[in-house]
Amino acid sequence: MASRDRRLIAVLVVTAAAKAAVIGLGAVLWRSAWMPHLVQDIVSWRPFLEQSRLGLVPYVDFTKEYPVGGGLLYWALAWLVDPANLRGTVLAHALVMSAVDVANAGVFYRIASGIDRRRALAATLCFALNPTALVLGPVRYEGVVVTLVLVGYAYHRLRRPLSAVLWWSVGCWLKWFPAFFIAAQEYRAFVVEGVRWRWLKSAALFLAVAAAVNLPFVALAWHRHGSLENWLWPYRFHATRPLYWDTLLGVGQIWLGPLAFERYGSLWSLGLLAAALLAKPRMPLEHKGVLLCIAAILFNRIHSTQFHLWFYPFLILGVMADAQPALRRLAALVLALDLVNVLVYPFAFAYAYAEMGGFEPWAARAGGGPWTVVFSAAIVVRAALLLALAAVLLRRYGQGAPEDG
């Protein structure tokens, strides 16, 4: 058997074993203080699962704040679980998403081998076994989106940009961030490579995928109810969504009270996204994608821990070719970022929530304790580390960066 094949099998076995260990540990710690927070996303899907099992159609007869593709995923999962049994639902979810993560490790290893075979094994283990992936992967569906983004990136490296756009377009309807990679690829092609009209083909392909995914629900909703309210709800929700407390703005409010300017957090994020897209046009796609993800979450009104899984694959792939001293320094920065990230949620979040009795303006001043301080400090440090990472990418992978691929 070839050495690379043996390493691929080792990657799959180690990732599967780690996921099994995490699921087992989760079962042992089921009654811990932070477990209800960790599985809260799955709890929030239970009404959706129940209505699906009754034969109702999502985005037609009822709704959810996630894009249609995310609803399709849980529509399928509804037939594998009994939503009334929370523990069984969490276990089934964890098994499905862990299987996806194992497959992703294999895809990542193949891509990494094409960049630097010597470092592919270590890079893949960093991708598959980082704390955020181990803690959050089984109870979120980020892994499914990462599959689509990784496959799209593989086609990008093969210089098949429209195939990449196809996969990223499908990913957009599970979570919207894969659109960042479409924009980055086409902007670079236009500005750096002088490919003037391909973006029209990419836009047409994106719209075709959007129509294929959404129009069946639009047509059925209008036929049954004469209304698109359930299909439109995800967009309305995100336009008016509440402030989440595990963000810079949220921490400001629990200490300082209501902040009138927090409503503009999403607009700041849009501005940062535009700036990140336009900056350093020659920056390789891997690092541009990381920069765009950081811009999207840094000052936003929502910054969920699992969002870091959006950019970790590309951060790791992008630094594989670095010289050893630079790689060690960047690895230390990323490790610190990831440890602080999981400290914020679910661990410090759960204990701070218990101290304050909930998250409200001035709650930290009124009832906070040591864990509230840890929670608040960790969020500030996480933001500082993200800023440091963005600065490193802008400095090291700017105009003089090598070509993609």
Protein backbone atom coordinates (compact mmCIF):
# COMPACT_ATOMS: atom_id res chain seq x y z
CA MET A 1 0.00 0.00 0.00
CA ALA A 2 1.35 3.43 -0.87
CA SER A 3 2.54 5.62 2.00
CA ARG A 4 -0.01 8.31 1.15
CA ASP A 5 -2.85 5.77 1.27
CA ARG A 6 -1.69 4.55 4.66
CA ARG A 7 -1.64 8.13 5.91
CA LEU A 8 -5.13 8.75 4.56
CA ILE A 9 -6.42 5.69 6.40
CA ALA A 10 -4.64 6.87 9.56
CA VAL A 11 -6.34 10.28 9.22
CA LEU A 12 -9.77 8.69 8.87
CA VAL A 13 -9.23 6.28 11.78
CA VAL A 14 -7.83 8.93 14.14
CA THR A 15 -10.60 11.39 13.31
CA ALA A 16 -13.29 8.75 13.78
CA ALA A 17 -11.77 7.67 17.10
CA ALA A 18 -11.59 11.26 18.33
CA LYS A 19 -15.22 11.89 17.38
CA ALA A 20 -16.31 8.68 19.12
CA ALA A 21 -14.40 9.71 22.25
CA VAL A 22 -16.03 13.13 22.27
CA ILE A 23 -19.51 11.62 21.85
CA GLY A 24 -18.80 9.20 24.69
CA LEU A 25 -17.51 11.99 26.91
CA GLY A 26 -20.59 14.03 26.09
CA ALA A 27 -22.80 11.14 27.26
CA VAL A 28 -20.89 10.96 30.56
CA LEU A 29 -21.15 14.74 31.05
CA TRP A 30 -24.77 15.00 29.91
CA ARG A 31 -25.88 16.69 33.13
CA SER A 32 -23.04 19.20 33.27
CA ALA A 33 -23.85 22.90 33.58
CA TRP A 34 -22.69 23.72 30.06
CA MET A 35 -24.30 20.81 28.18
CA PRO A 36 -27.75 22.50 27.80
CA HIS A 37 -26.01 25.45 26.16
CA LEU A 38 -23.88 23.22 23.93
CA VAL A 39 -26.93 21.40 22.51
CA GLN A 40 -29.18 24.47 22.39
CA ASP A 41 -29.05 24.65 18.59
CA ILE A 42 -30.41 21.10 18.35
CA VAL A 43 -33.09 21.96 20.91
CA SER A 44 -34.11 24.91 18.75
CA TRP A 45 -34.61 22.54 15.80
CA ARG A 46 -37.01 20.25 17.68
CA PRO A 47 -40.24 22.06 16.64
CA PHE A 48 -38.97 21.98 13.05
CA LEU A 49 -38.33 18.22 13.32
CA GLU A 50 -41.74 17.61 14.90
CA GLN A 51 -43.60 19.52 12.19
CA SER A 52 -41.62 17.76 9.48
CA ARG A 53 -42.59 14.37 10.89
CA LEU A 54 -46.25 15.44 10.74
CA GLY A 55 -45.89 15.85 6.99
CA LEU A 56 -45.68 19.63 6.92
CA VAL A 57 -43.29 21.25 4.45
CA PRO A 58 -40.67 23.71 5.73
CA TYR A 59 -40.71 27.24 4.30
CA VAL A 60 -44.22 26.44 3.04
CA ASP A 61 -46.27 25.43 6.10
CA PHE A 62 -43.84 26.61 8.76
CA THR A 63 -40.47 28.31 8.88
CA LYS A 64 -36.98 28.50 10.38
CA GLU A 65 -34.39 31.25 10.46
CA TYR A 66 -31.83 29.25 8.46
CA PRO A 67 -31.55 29.19 4.65
CA VAL A 68 -33.58 26.66 2.69
CA GLY A 69 -30.65 24.24 2.32
CA GLY A 70 -30.26 24.03 6.09
CA GLY A 71 -33.96 23.27 6.34
CA LEU A 72 -33.63 20.52 3.73
CA LEU A 73 -30.85 18.94 5.80
CA TYR A 74 -32.99 18.83 8.96
CA TRP A 75 -36.05 17.83 6.98
CA ALA A 76 -34.14 14.69 6.04
CA LEU A 77 -32.82 14.24 9.60
CA ALA A 78 -36.40 14.38 10.96
CA TRP A 79 -37.02 10.84 9.72
CA LEU A 80 -34.00 9.49 11.63
CA VAL A 81 -34.91 10.81 15.08
CA ASP A 82 -37.70 11.08 17.61
CA PRO A 83 -37.69 14.79 18.53
CA ALA A 84 -39.40 14.02 21.85
CA ASN A 85 -36.26 12.13 22.88
CA LEU A 86 -33.69 14.92 23.19
CA ARG A 87 -30.81 12.68 24.18
CA GLY A 88 -31.47 10.32 21.26
CA THR A 89 -31.81 13.26 18.87
CA VAL A 90 -28.50 14.73 20.02
CA LEU A 91 -26.81 11.34 19.64
CA ALA A 92 -28.15 10.83 16.11
CA HIS A 93 -27.13 14.35 15.17
CA ALA A 94 -23.65 13.84 16.59
CA LEU A 95 -23.19 10.56 14.72
CA VAL A 96 -24.29 12.02 11.38
CA MET A 97 -22.18 15.16 11.70
CA SER A 98 -19.18 13.20 12.94
CA ALA A 99 -19.40 10.97 9.88
CA VAL A 100 -19.39 14.13 7.76
CA ASP A 101 -16.34 15.39 9.66
CA VAL A 102 -14.48 12.14 9.02
CA ALA A 103 -15.23 12.45 5.30
CA ASN A 104 -14.06 16.07 5.40
CA ALA A 105 -10.78 14.98 6.92
CA GLY A 106 -10.26 12.71 3.91
CA VAL A 107 -11.10 15.48 1.45
CA PHE A 108 -8.83 17.91 3.28
CA TYR A 109 -5.96 15.41 3.28
CA ARG A 110 -6.21 14.95 -0.48
CA ILE A 111 -6.12 18.72 -1.00
CA ALA A 112 -3.26 19.20 1.47
CA SER A 113 -1.25 16.43 -0.19
CA GLY A 114 -1.39 18.38 -3.43
CA ILE A 115 0.13 21.40 -1.67
CA ASP A 116 2.85 19.77 0.47
CA ARG A 117 2.82 16.02 0.96
CA ARG A 118 5.29 16.21 3.86
CA ARG A 119 3.00 18.39 5.94
CA ALA A 120 -0.34 17.01 4.79
CA LEU A 121 -0.80 14.61 7.70
CA ALA A 122 -0.04 17.18 10.41
CA ALA A 123 -2.17 19.81 8.65
CA THR A 124 -5.12 17.43 8.39
CA LEU A 125 -4.95 16.50 12.06
CA CYS A 126 -4.95 20.21 12.94
CA PHE A 127 -8.01 20.64 10.75
CA ALA A 128 -9.90 17.65 12.15
CA LEU A 129 -8.89 17.72 15.81
CA ASN A 130 -8.83 21.39 16.80
CA PRO A 131 -10.88 22.08 19.97
CA THR A 132 -13.65 23.98 18.18
CA ALA A 133 -14.16 21.12 15.72
CA LEU A 134 -14.18 18.52 18.48
CA VAL A 135 -16.53 20.40 20.83
CA LEU A 136 -18.92 22.04 18.35
CA GLY A 137 -18.70 19.83 15.25
CA PRO A 138 -21.04 17.07 16.49
CA VAL A 139 -23.80 19.48 17.56
CA ARG A 140 -23.75 21.93 14.63
CA TYR A 141 -24.06 21.41 10.88
CA GLU A 142 -21.04 23.46 9.85
CA GLY A 143 -19.35 20.27 8.66
CA VAL A 144 -21.82 19.84 5.80
CA VAL A 145 -21.16 23.38 4.58
CA VAL A 146 -17.41 22.85 4.91
CA THR A 147 -17.72 19.77 2.67
CA LEU A 148 -19.19 21.86 -0.12
CA VAL A 149 -16.68 24.67 0.34
CA LEU A 150 -13.73 22.25 0.34
CA VAL A 151 -14.91 20.52 -2.83
CA GLY A 152 -15.35 23.93 -4.44
CA TYR A 153 -11.84 24.87 -3.38
CA ALA A 154 -10.49 21.64 -4.86
CA TYR A 155 -12.01 22.62 -8.22
CA HIS A 156 -10.58 26.12 -7.80
CA ARG A 157 -7.11 24.61 -7.45
CA LEU A 158 -7.73 22.54 -10.59
CA ARG A 159 -8.48 25.85 -12.36
CA ARG A 160 -12.09 24.94 -12.94
CA PRO A 161 -13.64 28.12 -11.51
CA LEU A 162 -17.21 27.54 -12.65
CA SER A 163 -17.24 24.11 -11.03
CA ALA A 164 -16.02 25.80 -7.86
CA VAL A 165 -18.84 28.35 -8.13
CA LEU A 166 -21.36 25.53 -8.50
CA TRP A 167 -20.32 23.87 -5.24
CA TRP A 168 -20.04 27.15 -3.37
CA SER A 169 -23.46 28.20 -4.66
CA VAL A 170 -25.01 25.04 -3.24
CA GLY A 171 -23.23 25.71 0.05
CA CYS A 172 -24.73 29.21 0.20
CA TRP A 173 -28.15 27.71 0.79
CA LEU A 174 -27.00 25.95 3.95
CA LYS A 175 -25.18 28.99 5.30
CA TRP A 176 -24.45 32.11 3.33
CA PHE A 177 -20.69 32.43 3.90
CA PRO A 178 -19.59 30.36 0.82
CA ALA A 179 -20.61 33.41 -1.22
CA PHE A 180 -17.43 35.02 0.14
CA PHE A 181 -15.34 32.57 -1.87
CA ILE A 182 -17.28 33.22 -5.07
CA ALA A 183 -16.78 36.96 -4.67
CA ALA A 184 -13.07 36.58 -3.86
CA GLN A 185 -12.39 34.26 -6.80
CA GLU A 186 -14.17 36.44 -9.33
CA TYR A 187 -12.77 39.73 -8.02
CA ARG A 188 -9.23 38.39 -8.30
CA ALA A 189 -9.91 37.05 -11.79
CA PHE A 190 -11.25 40.42 -12.89
CA VAL A 191 -8.60 42.67 -11.33
CA VAL A 192 -5.44 40.53 -11.39
CA GLU A 193 -5.93 38.02 -14.18
CA GLY A 194 -7.81 40.30 -16.56
CA VAL A 195 -10.71 37.86 -17.00
CA ARG A 196 -13.35 40.48 -17.67
CA TRP A 197 -16.59 38.61 -18.29
CA ARG A 198 -16.41 35.31 -16.40
CA TRP A 199 -18.14 36.90 -13.43
CA LEU A 200 -21.30 37.05 -15.53
CA LYS A 201 -21.21 33.28 -16.00
CA SER A 202 -20.56 32.81 -12.29
CA ALA A 203 -23.45 35.11 -11.40
CA ALA A 204 -25.75 33.26 -13.77
CA LEU A 205 -24.70 29.93 -12.26
CA PHE A 206 -25.25 31.24 -8.74
CA LEU A 207 -28.74 32.47 -9.67
CA ALA A 208 -29.57 29.17 -11.37
CA VAL A 209 -28.66 27.25 -8.20
CA ALA A 210 -30.64 29.73 -6.11
CA ALA A 211 -33.67 29.21 -8.33
CA ALA A 212 -33.35 25.40 -8.27
CA VAL A 213 -33.17 25.35 -4.47
CA ASN A 214 -35.78 27.99 -3.68
CA LEU A 215 -38.42 28.05 -6.41
CA PRO A 216 -40.09 24.74 -5.45
CA PHE A 217 -40.78 26.16 -1.98
CA VAL A 218 -41.88 29.52 -3.39
CA ALA A 219 -44.32 27.88 -5.80
CA LEU A 220 -45.74 25.48 -3.23
CA ALA A 221 -46.07 28.20 -0.57
CA TRP A 222 -47.98 30.42 -2.98
CA HIS A 223 -50.15 27.52 -4.14
CA ARG A 224 -51.09 26.42 -0.63
CA HIS A 225 -51.29 29.69 1.26
CA GLY A 226 -51.15 32.54 -1.25
CA SER A 227 -48.27 33.90 0.84
CA LEU A 228 -44.47 33.73 0.89
CA GLU A 229 -44.23 34.64 4.58
CA ASN A 230 -42.66 31.34 5.66
CA TRP A 231 -40.11 31.41 2.85
CA LEU A 232 -39.20 35.06 3.48
CA TRP A 233 -38.89 34.70 7.23
CA PRO A 234 -35.14 33.82 7.31
CA TYR A 235 -34.31 37.08 5.54
CA ARG A 236 -36.57 39.14 7.79
CA PHE A 237 -35.15 37.44 10.87
CA HIS A 238 -31.55 38.23 9.96
CA ALA A 239 -32.41 41.81 9.07
CA THR A 240 -33.84 42.39 12.55
CA ARG A 241 -32.18 39.69 14.66
CA PRO A 242 -31.44 40.48 18.33
CA LEU A 243 -27.97 41.13 19.70
CA TYR A 244 -26.21 38.00 20.91
CA TRP A 245 -24.35 38.30 24.20
CA ASP A 246 -21.18 36.38 23.28
CA THR A 247 -20.02 39.26 21.07
CA LEU A 248 -18.02 42.44 21.69
CA LEU A 249 -21.22 44.49 21.56
CA GLY A 250 -23.02 42.03 23.83
CA VAL A 251 -20.28 42.20 26.45
CA GLY A 252 -20.46 45.98 26.26
CA GLN A 253 -24.15 45.88 27.10
CA ILE A 254 -23.90 43.52 30.07
CA TRP A 255 -21.37 45.90 31.64
CA LEU A 256 -22.38 49.33 30.35
CA GLY A 257 -26.08 49.00 29.66
CA PRO A 258 -27.88 49.54 26.33
CA LEU A 259 -25.61 50.74 23.53
CA ALA A 260 -27.58 52.68 20.94
CA PHE A 261 -24.95 52.07 18.28
CA GLU A 262 -25.07 48.26 18.57
CA ARG A 263 -27.84 48.17 15.95
CA TYR A 264 -25.24 49.20 13.38
CA GLY A 265 -23.02 46.16 14.00
CA SER A 266 -24.26 44.37 10.89
CA LEU A 267 -23.62 47.46 8.76
CA TRP A 268 -20.07 47.70 10.11
CA SER A 269 -19.59 44.07 9.15
CA LEU A 270 -20.77 44.77 5.60
CA GLY A 271 -18.29 47.62 5.39
CA LEU A 272 -15.46 45.43 6.67
CA LEU A 273 -16.43 42.71 4.19
CA ALA A 274 -16.22 45.18 1.32
CA ALA A 275 -12.85 46.45 2.53
CA ALA A 276 -11.50 42.90 2.93
CA LEU A 277 -12.65 41.97 -0.56
CA LEU A 278 -11.05 45.00 -2.18
CA ALA A 279 -7.79 44.93 -0.21
CA LYS A 280 -4.69 43.22 -1.63
CA PRO A 281 -6.19 41.87 -4.88
CA ARG A 282 -3.27 39.46 -5.39
CA MET A 283 -3.84 37.73 -2.07
CA PRO A 284 -4.39 33.98 -2.65
CA LEU A 285 -7.94 32.74 -2.24
CA GLU A 286 -7.16 30.81 0.95
CA HIS A 287 -6.09 33.92 2.83
CA LYS A 288 -8.66 36.17 1.22
CA GLY A 289 -11.34 33.75 2.41
CA VAL A 290 -9.98 33.85 5.95
CA LEU A 291 -9.86 37.64 5.87
CA LEU A 292 -13.47 37.84 4.66
CA CYS A 293 -14.70 35.50 7.39
CA ILE A 294 -12.91 37.53 10.06
CA ALA A 295 -14.43 40.72 8.67
CA ALA A 296 -17.89 39.16 8.78
CA ILE A 297 -17.76 38.14 12.45
CA LEU A 298 -15.41 40.54 14.22
CA PHE A 299 -17.86 43.34 15.10
CA ASN A 300 -21.09 41.60 14.18
CA ARG A 301 -24.13 41.25 16.41
CA ILE A 302 -23.66 37.50 16.31
CA HIS A 303 -20.34 35.65 16.66
CA SER A 304 -21.02 31.98 17.27
CA THR A 305 -18.08 29.79 18.20
CA GLN A 306 -18.64 27.45 15.25
CA PHE A 307 -18.16 30.31 12.78
CA HIS A 308 -14.41 29.79 13.14
CA LEU A 309 -14.84 26.44 11.41
CA TRP A 310 -15.65 28.43 8.26
CA PHE A 311 -12.09 29.66 7.84
CA TYR A 312 -9.87 27.18 9.69
CA PRO A 313 -9.48 24.86 6.65
CA PHE A 314 -8.22 27.67 4.47
CA LEU A 315 -6.01 29.18 7.13
CA ILE A 316 -4.28 25.82 7.54
CA LEU A 317 -3.99 25.18 3.80
CA GLY A 318 -2.68 28.67 3.20
CA VAL A 319 0.18 28.49 5.69
CA MET A 320 1.39 24.99 4.81
CA ALA A 321 4.13 26.34 2.55
CA ASP A 322 5.48 28.78 5.16
CA ALA A 323 9.02 28.50 6.43
CA GLN A 324 9.31 26.75 9.80
CA PRO A 325 9.88 29.80 12.09
CA ALA A 326 6.97 31.76 10.58
CA LEU A 327 4.79 28.66 10.71
CA ARG A 328 5.49 28.16 14.41
CA ARG A 329 4.60 31.76 15.25
CA LEU A 330 1.37 31.64 13.30
CA ALA A 331 0.50 28.23 14.75
CA ALA A 332 0.88 29.64 18.27
CA LEU A 333 -1.46 32.51 17.39
CA VAL A 334 -4.07 30.19 15.92
CA LEU A 335 -3.87 27.75 18.85
CA ALA A 336 -4.41 30.60 21.31
CA LEU A 337 -7.36 31.83 19.22
CA ASP A 338 -9.00 28.41 19.17
CA LEU A 339 -8.58 27.76 22.89
CA VAL A 340 -10.06 31.16 23.73
CA ASN A 341 -12.87 30.50 21.25
CA VAL A 342 -14.10 27.36 23.02
CA LEU A 343 -13.53 28.98 26.39
CA VAL A 344 -16.06 31.64 25.40
CA TYR A 345 -18.67 29.07 24.43
CA PRO A 346 -19.92 26.81 25.85
CA PHE A 347 -17.81 26.84 29.01
CA ALA A 348 -17.46 30.42 30.29
CA PHE A 349 -20.82 31.28 28.71
CA ALA A 350 -22.62 28.68 30.83
CA TYR A 351 -21.07 29.68 34.15
CA ALA A 352 -21.39 33.42 33.47
CA TYR A 353 -25.04 32.88 32.57
CA ALA A 354 -25.59 31.12 35.91
CA GLU A 355 -23.89 33.93 37.83
CA MET A 356 -25.95 36.67 36.20
CA GLY A 357 -29.20 34.73 35.99
CA GLY A 358 -29.38 35.51 32.28
CA PHE A 359 -28.00 38.07 29.87
CA GLU A 360 -29.44 41.56 30.11
CA PRO A 361 -28.04 45.10 30.01
CA TRP A 362 -26.04 45.80 33.22
CA ALA A 363 -26.33 42.12 34.25
CA ALA A 364 -22.56 41.81 34.75
CA ARG A 365 -22.48 44.80 37.08
CA ALA A 366 -25.57 43.67 38.96
CA GLY A 367 -24.85 39.99 39.47
CA GLY A 368 -21.64 38.97 37.71
CA GLY A 369 -18.83 37.07 39.35
CA PRO A 370 -15.46 35.56 38.40
CA TRP A 371 -16.84 33.62 35.45
CA THR A 372 -18.51 36.74 34.09
CA VAL A 373 -15.10 38.44 34.12
CA VAL A 374 -13.51 35.41 32.42
CA PHE A 375 -16.29 35.32 29.81
CA SER A 376 -15.98 39.04 29.08
CA ALA A 377 -12.19 39.02 28.95
CA ALA A 378 -12.14 35.97 26.67
CA ILE A 379 -14.40 37.70 24.15
CA VAL A 380 -12.16 40.77 24.10
CA VAL A 381 -9.04 38.61 23.74
CA ARG A 382 -10.67 36.59 20.97
CA ALA A 383 -11.39 39.77 19.03
CA ALA A 384 -7.82 40.99 19.56
CA LEU A 385 -6.43 37.67 18.29
CA LEU A 386 -8.67 37.83 15.21
CA LEU A 387 -7.40 41.34 14.52
CA ALA A 388 -3.83 40.12 14.94
CA LEU A 389 -4.46 37.26 12.54
CA ALA A 390 -5.96 39.61 9.96
CA ALA A 391 -2.95 41.91 10.32
CA VAL A 392 -0.56 39.00 9.77
CA LEU A 393 -2.39 37.95 6.61
CA LEU A 394 -2.48 41.47 5.23
CA ARG A 395 1.23 41.95 5.94
CA ARG A 396 2.53 38.57 4.79
CA TYR A 397 0.18 37.65 1.97
CA GLY A 398 -0.34 40.91 0.16
CA GLN A 399 0.74 42.24 -3.19
CA GLY A 400 3.79 40.03 -3.36
CA ALA A 401 1.93 36.79 -2.65
CA PRO A 402 2.35 33.88 -5.01
CA GLU A 403 -0.30 32.96 -7.51
CA ASP A 404 -3.15 30.67 -6.48
CA GLY A 405 -3.10 27.00 -7.29
